[in-house]
Each structure stands twice: as structure tokens, then as C-alpha cells.
PDB file of N, CA and C in Angstrom:
ATOM      1  N   UNK A   1      41.540  -4.858 -21.796  1.00  0.00           N
ATOM      2  CA  UNK A   1      41.370  -5.715 -20.633  1.00  0.00           C
ATOM      3  C   UNK A   1      40.668  -4.946 -19.521  1.00  0.00           C
ATOM      4  N   UNK A   2      41.054  -3.692 -19.339  1.00  0.00           N
ATOM      5  CA  UNK A   2      40.425  -2.888 -18.280  1.00  0.00           C
ATOM      6  C   UNK A   2      38.948  -2.662 -18.548  1.00  0.00           C
ATOM      7  N   UNK A   3      38.577  -2.446 -19.822  1.00  0.00           N
ATOM      8  CA  UNK A   3      37.174  -2.242 -20.159  1.00  0.00           C
ATOM      9  C   UNK A   3      36.368  -3.504 -19.883  1.00  0.00           C
ATOM     10  N   UNK A   4      36.929  -4.658 -20.225  1.00  0.00           N
ATOM     11  CA  UNK A   4      36.225  -5.908 -19.969  1.00  0.00           C
ATOM     12  C   UNK A   4      36.041  -6.128 -18.479  1.00  0.00           C
ATOM     13  N   UNK A   5      37.071  -5.793 -17.716  1.00  0.00           N
ATOM     14  CA  UNK A   5      37.005  -5.950 -16.271  1.00  0.00           C
ATOM     15  C   UNK A   5      35.929  -5.028 -15.677  1.00  0.00           C
ATOM     16  N   UNK A   6      35.886  -3.791 -16.135  1.00  0.00           N
ATOM     17  CA  UNK A   6      34.883  -2.858 -15.617  1.00  0.00           C
ATOM     18  C   UNK A   6      33.468  -3.280 -16.034  1.00  0.00           C
ATOM     19  N   UNK A   7      33.336  -3.861 -17.237  1.00  0.00           N
ATOM     20  CA  UNK A   7      32.029  -4.355 -17.681  1.00  0.00           C
ATOM     21  C   UNK A   7      31.572  -5.530 -16.807  1.00  0.00           C
ATOM     22  N   UNK A   8      32.495  -6.418 -16.477  1.00  0.00           N
ATOM     23  CA  UNK A   8      32.155  -7.556 -15.611  1.00  0.00           C
ATOM     24  C   UNK A   8      31.713  -7.071 -14.236  1.00  0.00           C
ATOM     25  N   UNK A   9      32.434  -6.099 -13.695  1.00  0.00           N
ATOM     26  CA  UNK A   9      32.062  -5.551 -12.391  1.00  0.00           C
ATOM     27  C   UNK A   9      30.694  -4.891 -12.452  1.00  0.00           C
ATOM     28  N   UNK A  10      30.437  -4.166 -13.513  1.00  0.00           N
ATOM     29  CA  UNK A  10      29.143  -3.509 -13.677  1.00  0.00           C
ATOM     30  C   UNK A  10      28.015  -4.534 -13.756  1.00  0.00           C
ATOM     31  N   UNK A  11      28.213  -5.605 -14.528  1.00  0.00           N
ATOM     32  CA  UNK A  11      27.203  -6.663 -14.634  1.00  0.00           C
ATOM     33  C   UNK A  11      26.985  -7.351 -13.290  1.00  0.00           C
ATOM     34  N   UNK A  12      28.073  -7.553 -12.549  1.00  0.00           N
ATOM     35  CA  UNK A  12      27.955  -8.190 -11.236  1.00  0.00           C
ATOM     36  C   UNK A  12      27.153  -7.319 -10.289  1.00  0.00           C
ATOM     37  N   UNK A  13      27.402  -6.007 -10.308  1.00  0.00           N
ATOM     38  CA  UNK A  13      26.630  -5.086  -9.460  1.00  0.00           C
ATOM     39  C   UNK A  13      25.159  -5.104  -9.848  1.00  0.00           C
ATOM     40  N   UNK A  14      24.877  -5.144 -11.137  1.00  0.00           N
ATOM     41  CA  UNK A  14      23.499  -5.181 -11.609  1.00  0.00           C
ATOM     42  C   UNK A  14      22.806  -6.443 -11.120  1.00  0.00           C
ATOM     43  N   UNK A  15      23.490  -7.587 -11.193  1.00  0.00           N
ATOM     44  CA  UNK A  15      22.902  -8.846 -10.724  1.00  0.00           C
ATOM     45  C   UNK A  15      22.624  -8.795  -9.230  1.00  0.00           C
ATOM     46  N   UNK A  16      23.535  -8.220  -8.457  1.00  0.00           N
ATOM     47  CA  UNK A  16      23.329  -8.096  -7.007  1.00  0.00           C
ATOM     48  C   UNK A  16      22.129  -7.207  -6.734  1.00  0.00           C
ATOM     49  N   UNK A  17      22.015  -6.102  -7.453  1.00  0.00           N
ATOM     50  CA  UNK A  17      20.882  -5.194  -7.256  1.00  0.00           C
ATOM     51  C   UNK A  17      19.578  -5.874  -7.656  1.00  0.00           C
ATOM     52  N   UNK A  18      19.609  -6.685  -8.741  1.00  0.00           N
ATOM     53  CA  UNK A  18      18.414  -7.414  -9.151  1.00  0.00           C
ATOM     54  C   UNK A  18      17.987  -8.397  -8.073  1.00  0.00           C
ATOM     55  N   UNK A  19      18.943  -9.104  -7.475  1.00  0.00           N
ATOM     56  CA  UNK A  19      18.616 -10.053  -6.411  1.00  0.00           C
ATOM     57  C   UNK A  19      18.018  -9.335  -5.209  1.00  0.00           C
ATOM     58  N   UNK A  20      18.587  -8.180  -4.854  1.00  0.00           N
ATOM     59  CA  UNK A  20      18.047  -7.422  -3.734  1.00  0.00           C
ATOM     60  C   UNK A  20      16.646  -6.933  -4.053  1.00  0.00           C
ATOM     61  N   UNK A  21      16.415  -6.497  -5.291  1.00  0.00           N
ATOM     62  CA  UNK A  21      15.084  -6.078  -5.701  1.00  0.00           C
ATOM     63  C   UNK A  21      14.104  -7.227  -5.662  1.00  0.00           C
ATOM     64  N   UNK A  22      14.551  -8.424  -6.070  1.00  0.00           N
ATOM     65  CA  UNK A  22      13.697  -9.605  -6.000  1.00  0.00           C
ATOM     66  C   UNK A  22      13.363  -9.944  -4.562  1.00  0.00           C
ATOM     67  N   UNK A  23      14.332  -9.778  -3.668  1.00  0.00           N
ATOM     68  CA  UNK A  23      14.090 -10.037  -2.247  1.00  0.00           C
ATOM     69  C   UNK A  23      13.042  -9.085  -1.703  1.00  0.00           C
ATOM     70  N   UNK A  24      13.168  -7.812  -2.013  1.00  0.00           N
ATOM     71  CA  UNK A  24      12.210  -6.818  -1.543  1.00  0.00           C
ATOM     72  C   UNK A  24      10.834  -7.112  -2.123  1.00  0.00           C
ATOM     73  N   UNK A  25      10.800  -7.452  -3.403  1.00  0.00           N
ATOM     74  CA  UNK A  25       9.528  -7.781  -4.046  1.00  0.00           C
ATOM     75  C   UNK A  25       8.897  -9.011  -3.387  1.00  0.00           C
ATOM     76  N   UNK A  26       9.700 -10.009  -3.075  1.00  0.00           N
ATOM     77  CA  UNK A  26       9.197 -11.205  -2.410  1.00  0.00           C
ATOM     78  C   UNK A  26       8.646 -10.907  -1.027  1.00  0.00           C
ATOM     79  N   UNK A  27       9.350 -10.063  -0.300  1.00  0.00           N
ATOM     80  CA  UNK A  27       8.876  -9.674   1.036  1.00  0.00           C
ATOM     81  C   UNK A  27       7.560  -8.914   0.928  1.00  0.00           C
ATOM     82  N   UNK A  28       7.471  -8.010  -0.036  1.00  0.00           N
ATOM     83  CA  UNK A  28       6.234  -7.248  -0.227  1.00  0.00           C
ATOM     84  C   UNK A  28       5.079  -8.174  -0.598  1.00  0.00           C
ATOM     85  N   UNK A  29       5.334  -9.147  -1.468  1.00  0.00           N
ATOM     86  CA  UNK A  29       4.281 -10.085  -1.873  1.00  0.00           C
ATOM     87  C   UNK A  29       3.820 -10.930  -0.687  1.00  0.00           C
ATOM     88  N   UNK A  30       4.767 -11.393   0.131  1.00  0.00           N
ATOM     89  CA  UNK A  30       4.392 -12.177   1.320  1.00  0.00           C
ATOM     90  C   UNK A  30       3.587 -11.321   2.296  1.00  0.00           C
ATOM     91  N   UNK A  31       3.994 -10.079   2.477  1.00  0.00           N
ATOM     92  CA  UNK A  31       3.292  -9.194   3.401  1.00  0.00           C
ATOM     93  C   UNK A  31       1.867  -8.926   2.937  1.00  0.00           C
ATOM     94  N   UNK A  32       1.696  -8.633   1.669  1.00  0.00           N
ATOM     95  CA  UNK A  32       0.377  -8.295   1.133  1.00  0.00           C
ATOM     96  C   UNK A  32      -0.595  -9.473   1.256  1.00  0.00           C
ATOM     97  N   UNK A  33      -0.089 -10.689   1.148  1.00  0.00           N
ATOM     98  CA  UNK A  33      -0.949 -11.870   1.208  1.00  0.00           C
ATOM     99  C   UNK A  33      -0.992 -12.509   2.591  1.00  0.00           C
ATOM    100  N   UNK A  34      -0.400 -11.865   3.572  1.00  0.00           N
ATOM    101  CA  UNK A  34      -0.397 -12.371   4.933  1.00  0.00           C
ATOM    102  C   UNK A  34      -1.737 -12.083   5.595  1.00  0.00           C
ATOM    103  N   UNK A  35      -2.272 -13.043   6.320  1.00  0.00           N
ATOM    104  CA  UNK A  35      -3.598 -12.848   6.930  1.00  0.00           C
ATOM    105  C   UNK A  35      -3.573 -11.772   8.017  1.00  0.00           C
ATOM    106  N   UNK A  36      -2.449 -11.599   8.691  1.00  0.00           N
ATOM    107  CA  UNK A  36      -2.367 -10.552   9.710  1.00  0.00           C
ATOM    108  C   UNK A  36      -2.360  -9.163   9.058  1.00  0.00           C
ATOM    109  N   UNK A  37      -1.697  -9.049   7.918  1.00  0.00           N
ATOM    110  CA  UNK A  37      -1.698  -7.788   7.164  1.00  0.00           C
ATOM    111  C   UNK A  37      -3.119  -7.463   6.713  1.00  0.00           C
ATOM    112  N   UNK A  38      -3.810  -8.473   6.190  1.00  0.00           N
ATOM    113  CA  UNK A  38      -5.189  -8.270   5.751  1.00  0.00           C
ATOM    114  C   UNK A  38      -6.080  -7.881   6.920  1.00  0.00           C
ATOM    115  N   UNK A  39      -5.867  -8.495   8.090  1.00  0.00           N
ATOM    116  CA  UNK A  39      -6.638  -8.146   9.282  1.00  0.00           C
ATOM    117  C   UNK A  39      -6.349  -6.709   9.708  1.00  0.00           C
ATOM    118  N   UNK A  40      -5.091  -6.296   9.634  1.00  0.00           N
ATOM    119  CA  UNK A  40      -4.728  -4.926   9.974  1.00  0.00           C
ATOM    120  C   UNK A  40      -5.405  -3.929   9.031  1.00  0.00           C
ATOM    121  N   UNK A  41      -5.367  -4.232   7.728  1.00  0.00           N
ATOM    122  CA  UNK A  41      -6.000  -3.337   6.751  1.00  0.00           C
ATOM    123  C   UNK A  41      -7.501  -3.280   6.953  1.00  0.00           C
ATOM    124  N   UNK A  42      -8.113  -4.418   7.260  1.00  0.00           N
ATOM    125  CA  UNK A  42      -9.547  -4.443   7.528  1.00  0.00           C
ATOM    126  C   UNK A  42      -9.874  -3.645   8.782  1.00  0.00           C
ATOM    127  N   UNK A  43      -9.041  -3.751   9.802  1.00  0.00           N
ATOM    128  CA  UNK A  43      -9.239  -2.969  11.034  1.00  0.00           C
ATOM    129  C   UNK A  43      -9.148  -1.470  10.753  1.00  0.00           C
ATOM    130  N   UNK A  44      -8.181  -1.085   9.937  1.00  0.00           N
ATOM    131  CA  UNK A  44      -8.052   0.332   9.578  1.00  0.00           C
ATOM    132  C   UNK A  44      -9.273   0.811   8.793  1.00  0.00           C
ATOM    133  N   UNK A  45      -9.792  -0.058   7.941  1.00  0.00           N
ATOM    134  CA  UNK A  45     -10.995   0.282   7.189  1.00  0.00           C
ATOM    135  C   UNK A  45     -12.180   0.501   8.123  1.00  0.00           C
ATOM    136  N   UNK A  46     -12.337  -0.382   9.087  1.00  0.00           N
ATOM    137  CA  UNK A  46     -13.414  -0.221  10.062  1.00  0.00           C
ATOM    138  C   UNK A  46     -13.211   1.031  10.922  1.00  0.00           C
ATOM    139  N   UNK A  47     -11.975   1.297  11.322  1.00  0.00           N
ATOM    140  CA  UNK A  47     -11.702   2.507  12.103  1.00  0.00           C
ATOM    141  C   UNK A  47     -12.053   3.760  11.299  1.00  0.00           C
ATOM    142  N   UNK A  48     -11.765   3.744  10.006  1.00  0.00           N
ATOM    143  CA  UNK A  48     -12.104   4.878   9.156  1.00  0.00           C
ATOM    144  C   UNK A  48     -13.627   5.035   9.061  1.00  0.00           C
ATOM    145  N   UNK A  49     -14.338   3.911   8.935  1.00  0.00           N
ATOM    146  CA  UNK A  49     -15.802   3.971   8.876  1.00  0.00           C
ATOM    147  C   UNK A  49     -16.382   4.527  10.178  1.00  0.00           C
ATOM    148  N   UNK A  50     -15.842   4.096  11.295  1.00  0.00           N
ATOM    149  CA  UNK A  50     -16.290   4.613  12.594  1.00  0.00           C
ATOM    150  C   UNK A  50     -15.978   6.096  12.702  1.00  0.00           C
ATOM    151  N   UNK A  51     -14.797   6.495  12.239  1.00  0.00           N
ATOM    152  CA  UNK A  51     -14.410   7.902  12.257  1.00  0.00           C
ATOM    153  C   UNK A  51     -15.387   8.752  11.436  1.00  0.00           C
ATOM    154  N   UNK A  52     -15.750   8.255  10.261  1.00  0.00           N
ATOM    155  CA  UNK A  52     -16.705   8.984   9.416  1.00  0.00           C
ATOM    156  C   UNK A  52     -18.049   9.099  10.133  1.00  0.00           C
ATOM    157  N   UNK A  53     -18.473   8.013  10.779  1.00  0.00           N
ATOM    158  CA  UNK A  53     -19.720   8.064  11.553  1.00  0.00           C
ATOM    159  C   UNK A  53     -19.649   9.071  12.681  1.00  0.00           C
ATOM    160  N   UNK A  54     -18.530   9.150  13.369  1.00  0.00           N
ATOM    161  CA  UNK A  54     -18.351  10.134  14.445  1.00  0.00           C
ATOM    162  C   UNK A  54     -18.408  11.561  13.900  1.00  0.00           C
ATOM    163  N   UNK A  55     -17.807  11.770  12.733  1.00  0.00           N
ATOM    164  CA  UNK A  55     -17.854  13.099  12.118  1.00  0.00           C
ATOM    165  C   UNK A  55     -19.292  13.510  11.808  1.00  0.00           C
ATOM    166  N   UNK A  56     -20.042  12.590  11.228  1.00  0.00           N
ATOM    167  CA  UNK A  56     -21.433  12.881  10.864  1.00  0.00           C
ATOM    168  C   UNK A  56     -22.256  13.180  12.111  1.00  0.00           C
ATOM    169  N   UNK A  57     -22.097  12.359  13.129  1.00  0.00           N
ATOM    170  CA  UNK A  57     -22.847  12.562  14.373  1.00  0.00           C
ATOM    171  C   UNK A  57     -22.478  13.889  15.027  1.00  0.00           C
ATOM    172  N   UNK A  58     -21.197  14.200  15.075  1.00  0.00           N
ATOM    173  CA  UNK A  58     -20.743  15.448  15.689  1.00  0.00           C
ATOM    174  C   UNK A  58     -21.288  16.645  14.920  1.00  0.00           C
ATOM    175  N   UNK A  59     -21.221  16.577  13.604  1.00  0.00           N
ATOM    176  CA  UNK A  59     -21.704  17.686  12.790  1.00  0.00           C
ATOM    177  C   UNK A  59     -23.222  17.831  12.903  1.00  0.00           C
ATOM    178  N   UNK A  60     -23.935  16.724  13.016  1.00  0.00           N
ATOM    179  CA  UNK A  60     -25.398  16.775  13.116  1.00  0.00           C
ATOM    180  C   UNK A  60     -25.856  17.331  14.451  1.00  0.00           C
ATOM    181  N   UNK A  61     -25.168  17.016  15.533  1.00  0.00           N
ATOM    182  CA  UNK A  61     -25.598  17.461  16.853  1.00  0.00           C
ATOM    183  C   UNK A  61     -25.098  18.856  17.210  1.00  0.00           C
ATOM    184  N   UNK A  62     -23.873  19.179  16.827  1.00  0.00           N
ATOM    185  CA  UNK A  62     -23.299  20.464  17.230  1.00  0.00           C
ATOM    186  C   UNK A  62     -23.175  21.452  16.085  1.00  0.00           C
ATOM    187  N   UNK A  63     -23.413  21.016  14.865  1.00  0.00           N
ATOM    188  CA  UNK A  63     -23.322  21.845  13.671  1.00  0.00           C
ATOM    189  C   UNK A  63     -21.949  22.518  13.534  1.00  0.00           C
ATOM    190  N   UNK A  64     -20.910  21.820  13.984  1.00  0.00           N
ATOM    191  CA  UNK A  64     -19.525  22.284  13.811  1.00  0.00           C
ATOM    192  C   UNK A  64     -18.684  21.106  13.336  1.00  0.00           C
ATOM    193  N   UNK A  65     -17.500  21.429  12.833  1.00  0.00           N
ATOM    194  CA  UNK A  65     -16.577  20.378  12.409  1.00  0.00           C
ATOM    195  C   UNK A  65     -15.898  19.773  13.635  1.00  0.00           C
ATOM    196  N   UNK A  66     -15.617  18.510  13.552  1.00  0.00           N
ATOM    197  CA  UNK A  66     -14.955  17.808  14.645  1.00  0.00           C
ATOM    198  C   UNK A  66     -13.485  18.255  14.689  1.00  0.00           C
ATOM    199  N   UNK A  67     -12.917  18.416  15.887  1.00  0.00           N
ATOM    200  CA  UNK A  67     -11.503  18.811  15.973  1.00  0.00           C
ATOM    201  C   UNK A  67     -10.582  17.762  15.329  1.00  0.00           C
ATOM    202  N   UNK A  68      -9.514  18.215  14.742  1.00  0.00           N
ATOM    203  CA  UNK A  68      -8.502  17.385  14.081  1.00  0.00           C
ATOM    204  C   UNK A  68      -9.046  16.605  12.888  1.00  0.00           C
ATOM    205  N   UNK A  69     -10.150  17.049  12.312  1.00  0.00           N
ATOM    206  CA  UNK A  69     -10.767  16.359  11.181  1.00  0.00           C
ATOM    207  C   UNK A  69      -9.783  16.227  10.018  1.00  0.00           C
ATOM    208  N   UNK A  70      -9.179  17.330   9.625  1.00  0.00           N
ATOM    209  CA  UNK A  70      -8.277  17.313   8.480  1.00  0.00           C
ATOM    210  C   UNK A  70      -7.096  16.379   8.714  1.00  0.00           C
ATOM    211  N   UNK A  71      -6.483  16.458   9.882  1.00  0.00           N
ATOM    212  CA  UNK A  71      -5.293  15.661  10.171  1.00  0.00           C
ATOM    213  C   UNK A  71      -5.594  14.170  10.172  1.00  0.00           C
ATOM    214  N   UNK A  72      -6.722  13.783  10.776  1.00  0.00           N
ATOM    215  CA  UNK A  72      -7.062  12.361  10.849  1.00  0.00           C
ATOM    216  C   UNK A  72      -7.486  11.853   9.477  1.00  0.00           C
ATOM    217  N   UNK A  73      -8.248  12.656   8.723  1.00  0.00           N
ATOM    218  CA  UNK A  73      -8.601  12.263   7.352  1.00  0.00           C
ATOM    219  C   UNK A  73      -7.345  12.101   6.496  1.00  0.00           C
ATOM    220  N   UNK A  74      -6.399  12.998   6.653  1.00  0.00           N
ATOM    221  CA  UNK A  74      -5.135  12.913   5.917  1.00  0.00           C
ATOM    222  C   UNK A  74      -4.365  11.651   6.293  1.00  0.00           C
ATOM    223  N   UNK A  75      -4.344  11.321   7.575  1.00  0.00           N
ATOM    224  CA  UNK A  75      -3.652  10.127   8.034  1.00  0.00           C
ATOM    225  C   UNK A  75      -4.257   8.876   7.388  1.00  0.00           C
ATOM    226  N   UNK A  76      -5.590   8.769   7.403  1.00  0.00           N
ATOM    227  CA  UNK A  76      -6.235   7.612   6.782  1.00  0.00           C
ATOM    228  C   UNK A  76      -5.951   7.575   5.281  1.00  0.00           C
ATOM    229  N   UNK A  77      -5.985   8.709   4.639  1.00  0.00           N
ATOM    230  CA  UNK A  77      -5.701   8.761   3.205  1.00  0.00           C
ATOM    231  C   UNK A  77      -4.295   8.299   2.873  1.00  0.00           C
ATOM    232  N   UNK A  78      -3.320   8.744   3.655  1.00  0.00           N
ATOM    233  CA  UNK A  78      -1.928   8.351   3.424  1.00  0.00           C
ATOM    234  C   UNK A  78      -1.737   6.858   3.682  1.00  0.00           C
ATOM    235  N   UNK A  79      -2.325   6.343   4.755  1.00  0.00           N
ATOM    236  CA  UNK A  79      -2.197   4.918   5.073  1.00  0.00           C
ATOM    237  C   UNK A  79      -2.802   4.067   3.964  1.00  0.00           C
ATOM    238  N   UNK A  80      -3.992   4.452   3.480  1.00  0.00           N
ATOM    239  CA  UNK A  80      -4.627   3.672   2.425  1.00  0.00           C
ATOM    240  C   UNK A  80      -3.852   3.784   1.104  1.00  0.00           C
ATOM    241  N   UNK A  81      -3.287   4.944   0.827  1.00  0.00           N
ATOM    242  CA  UNK A  81      -2.464   5.093  -0.375  1.00  0.00           C
ATOM    243  C   UNK A  81      -1.220   4.214  -0.300  1.00  0.00           C
ATOM    244  N   UNK A  82      -0.561   4.194   0.842  1.00  0.00           N
ATOM    245  CA  UNK A  82       0.630   3.354   1.012  1.00  0.00           C
ATOM    246  C   UNK A  82       0.281   1.874   0.872  1.00  0.00           C
ATOM    247  N   UNK A  83      -0.860   1.473   1.411  1.00  0.00           N
ATOM    248  CA  UNK A  83      -1.287   0.078   1.289  1.00  0.00           C
ATOM    249  C   UNK A  83      -1.546  -0.272  -0.175  1.00  0.00           C
ATOM    250  N   UNK A  84      -2.176   0.639  -0.895  1.00  0.00           N
ATOM    251  CA  UNK A  84      -2.448   0.409  -2.311  1.00  0.00           C
ATOM    252  C   UNK A  84      -1.159   0.344  -3.126  1.00  0.00           C
ATOM    253  N   UNK A  85      -0.226   1.245  -2.867  1.00  0.00           N
ATOM    254  CA  UNK A  85       1.054   1.237  -3.572  1.00  0.00           C
ATOM    255  C   UNK A  85       1.845  -0.037  -3.289  1.00  0.00           C
ATOM    256  N   UNK A  86       1.788  -0.508  -2.055  1.00  0.00           N
ATOM    257  CA  UNK A  86       2.462  -1.752  -1.710  1.00  0.00           C
ATOM    258  C   UNK A  86       1.850  -2.923  -2.470  1.00  0.00           C
ATOM    259  N   UNK A  87       0.523  -2.943  -2.575  1.00  0.00           N
ATOM    260  CA  UNK A  87      -0.140  -4.014  -3.333  1.00  0.00           C
ATOM    261  C   UNK A  87       0.196  -3.939  -4.813  1.00  0.00           C
ATOM    262  N   UNK A  88       0.237  -2.731  -5.359  1.00  0.00           N
ATOM    263  CA  UNK A  88       0.604  -2.570  -6.776  1.00  0.00           C
ATOM    264  C   UNK A  88       2.024  -3.059  -6.998  1.00  0.00           C
ATOM    265  N   UNK A  89       2.931  -2.729  -6.109  1.00  0.00           N
ATOM    266  CA  UNK A  89       4.318  -3.183  -6.232  1.00  0.00           C
ATOM    267  C   UNK A  89       4.408  -4.700  -6.113  1.00  0.00           C
ATOM    268  N   UNK A  90       3.691  -5.267  -5.156  1.00  0.00           N
ATOM    269  CA  UNK A  90       3.791  -6.702  -4.894  1.00  0.00           C
ATOM    270  C   UNK A  90       3.121  -7.532  -5.986  1.00  0.00           C
ATOM    271  N   UNK A  91       1.984  -7.091  -6.483  1.00  0.00           N
ATOM    272  CA  UNK A  91       1.222  -7.902  -7.420  1.00  0.00           C
ATOM    273  C   UNK A  91       1.462  -7.541  -8.879  1.00  0.00           C
ATOM    274  N   UNK A  92       1.882  -6.327  -9.152  1.00  0.00           N
ATOM    275  CA  UNK A  92       2.163  -5.919 -10.518  1.00  0.00           C
ATOM    276  C   UNK A  92       0.943  -6.042 -11.410  1.00  0.00           C
ATOM    277  N   UNK A  93       1.122  -6.667 -12.559  1.00  0.00           N
ATOM    278  CA  UNK A  93       0.034  -6.812 -13.528  1.00  0.00           C
ATOM    279  C   UNK A  93      -1.096  -7.701 -13.018  1.00  0.00           C
ATOM    280  N   UNK A  94      -0.777  -8.584 -12.108  1.00  0.00           N
ATOM    281  CA  UNK A  94      -1.810  -9.475 -11.571  1.00  0.00           C
ATOM    282  C   UNK A  94      -2.895  -8.703 -10.835  1.00  0.00           C
ATOM    283  N   UNK A  95      -2.592  -7.488 -10.441  1.00  0.00           N
ATOM    284  CA  UNK A  95      -3.591  -6.655  -9.774  1.00  0.00           C
ATOM    285  C   UNK A  95      -4.792  -6.425 -10.689  1.00  0.00           C
ATOM    286  N   UNK A  96      -4.534  -6.368 -11.992  1.00  0.00           N
ATOM    287  CA  UNK A  96      -5.608  -6.120 -12.970  1.00  0.00           C
ATOM    288  C   UNK A  96      -6.127  -7.387 -13.634  1.00  0.00           C
ATOM    289  N   UNK A  97      -5.509  -8.530 -13.357  1.00  0.00           N
ATOM    290  CA  UNK A  97      -5.928  -9.760 -14.024  1.00  0.00           C
ATOM    291  C   UNK A  97      -6.341 -10.864 -13.064  1.00  0.00           C
ATOM    292  N   UNK A  98      -6.235 -10.635 -11.766  1.00  0.00           N
ATOM    293  CA  UNK A  98      -6.552 -11.685 -10.798  1.00  0.00           C
ATOM    294  C   UNK A  98      -8.060 -11.815 -10.611  1.00  0.00           C
ATOM    295  N   UNK A  99      -8.456 -12.764  -9.800  1.00  0.00           N
ATOM    296  CA  UNK A  99      -9.873 -12.958  -9.502  1.00  0.00           C
ATOM    297  C   UNK A  99     -10.454 -11.778  -8.714  1.00  0.00           C
ATOM    298  N   UNK A 100      -9.601 -11.033  -8.034  1.00  0.00           N
ATOM    299  CA  UNK A 100     -10.039  -9.896  -7.219  1.00  0.00           C
ATOM    300  C   UNK A 100     -10.000  -8.576  -7.979  1.00  0.00           C
ATOM    301  N   UNK A 101     -10.021  -8.621  -9.300  1.00  0.00           N
ATOM    302  CA  UNK A 101      -9.869  -7.397 -10.091  1.00  0.00           C
ATOM    303  C   UNK A 101     -10.964  -6.382  -9.770  1.00  0.00           C
ATOM    304  N   UNK A 102     -12.185  -6.827  -9.516  1.00  0.00           N
ATOM    305  CA  UNK A 102     -13.258  -5.871  -9.216  1.00  0.00           C
ATOM    306  C   UNK A 102     -13.008  -5.154  -7.895  1.00  0.00           C
ATOM    307  N   UNK A 103     -12.491  -5.873  -6.892  1.00  0.00           N
ATOM    308  CA  UNK A 103     -12.168  -5.233  -5.627  1.00  0.00           C
ATOM    309  C   UNK A 103     -10.978  -4.283  -5.781  1.00  0.00           C
ATOM    310  N   UNK A 104     -10.016  -4.687  -6.581  1.00  0.00           N
ATOM    311  CA  UNK A 104      -8.840  -3.834  -6.795  1.00  0.00           C
ATOM    312  C   UNK A 104      -9.227  -2.529  -7.495  1.00  0.00           C
ATOM    313  N   UNK A 105     -10.112  -2.613  -8.485  1.00  0.00           N
ATOM    314  CA  UNK A 105     -10.590  -1.395  -9.147  1.00  0.00           C
ATOM    315  C   UNK A 105     -11.345  -0.526  -8.146  1.00  0.00           C
ATOM    316  N   UNK A 106     -12.169  -1.145  -7.311  1.00  0.00           N
ATOM    317  CA  UNK A 106     -12.912  -0.417  -6.275  1.00  0.00           C
ATOM    318  C   UNK A 106     -11.959   0.296  -5.329  1.00  0.00           C
ATOM    319  N   UNK A 107     -10.876  -0.377  -4.935  1.00  0.00           N
ATOM    320  CA  UNK A 107      -9.885   0.238  -4.048  1.00  0.00           C
ATOM    321  C   UNK A 107      -9.194   1.426  -4.696  1.00  0.00           C
ATOM    322  N   UNK A 108      -8.923   1.315  -5.985  1.00  0.00           N
ATOM    323  CA  UNK A 108      -8.235   2.393  -6.695  1.00  0.00           C
ATOM    324  C   UNK A 108      -9.135   3.617  -6.828  1.00  0.00           C
ATOM    325  N   UNK A 109     -10.407   3.383  -7.062  1.00  0.00           N
ATOM    326  CA  UNK A 109     -11.355   4.497  -7.217  1.00  0.00           C
ATOM    327  C   UNK A 109     -11.608   5.087  -5.856  1.00  0.00           C
TER     328      UNK A 109
END
């Protein structure tokens, strides 16, 4: 009887954890497909492009590296990696089978 009771409790905990995981997955999917999230990611992409342009201009005119280059490049890299990981978590296999598969491959590369 005790073993059956402990098995029931274990199954109940697993179901609760599955529901919580589904909730997190649902929130991630809603966030990834939210137009404000997409606007934020697009803004970060443009900021990175402007940053790269500033680096090139600074290096061309002064022939030195721009201050904080490594730190800012690292920040953009981490932000883009986190965005990609969130999309992979939210979309799963659909990331490779959706209509946007070419853009997703481009983002991964």
C-alpha cells in the first residue's frame, strides 16, 4: 500500500511539473510571436549594425580599436544567443519546418 501511495504521489508531482513546463513553453511561444518582441529584436539588430558601422568608421579614421569593443560585441552576441535559444525552445521542431526556415537557418549561422 505504501509503494502504491508513493507511486501516486510521484505521478502527481510529474503531472504538476509537466503543467508548469507547458505554461513556461506557452509563455515563451507567445513572447516569441509577439509583435513588440519582434520590434525589440529588430531594434537590437539595427543597433548592432550601427555599432559595426561606428567601429569601421573609428578604425578607418583613427587606425585604433574603439573603446569597449570587446564588451559591447560580447553583449550583442549574448543577447542574440539568448533570443535564438528562446525561439528554439518556443518553436521546437517547427523552427526547421516552418515557412521561415530559411531565415531561421540564417539566424543560426
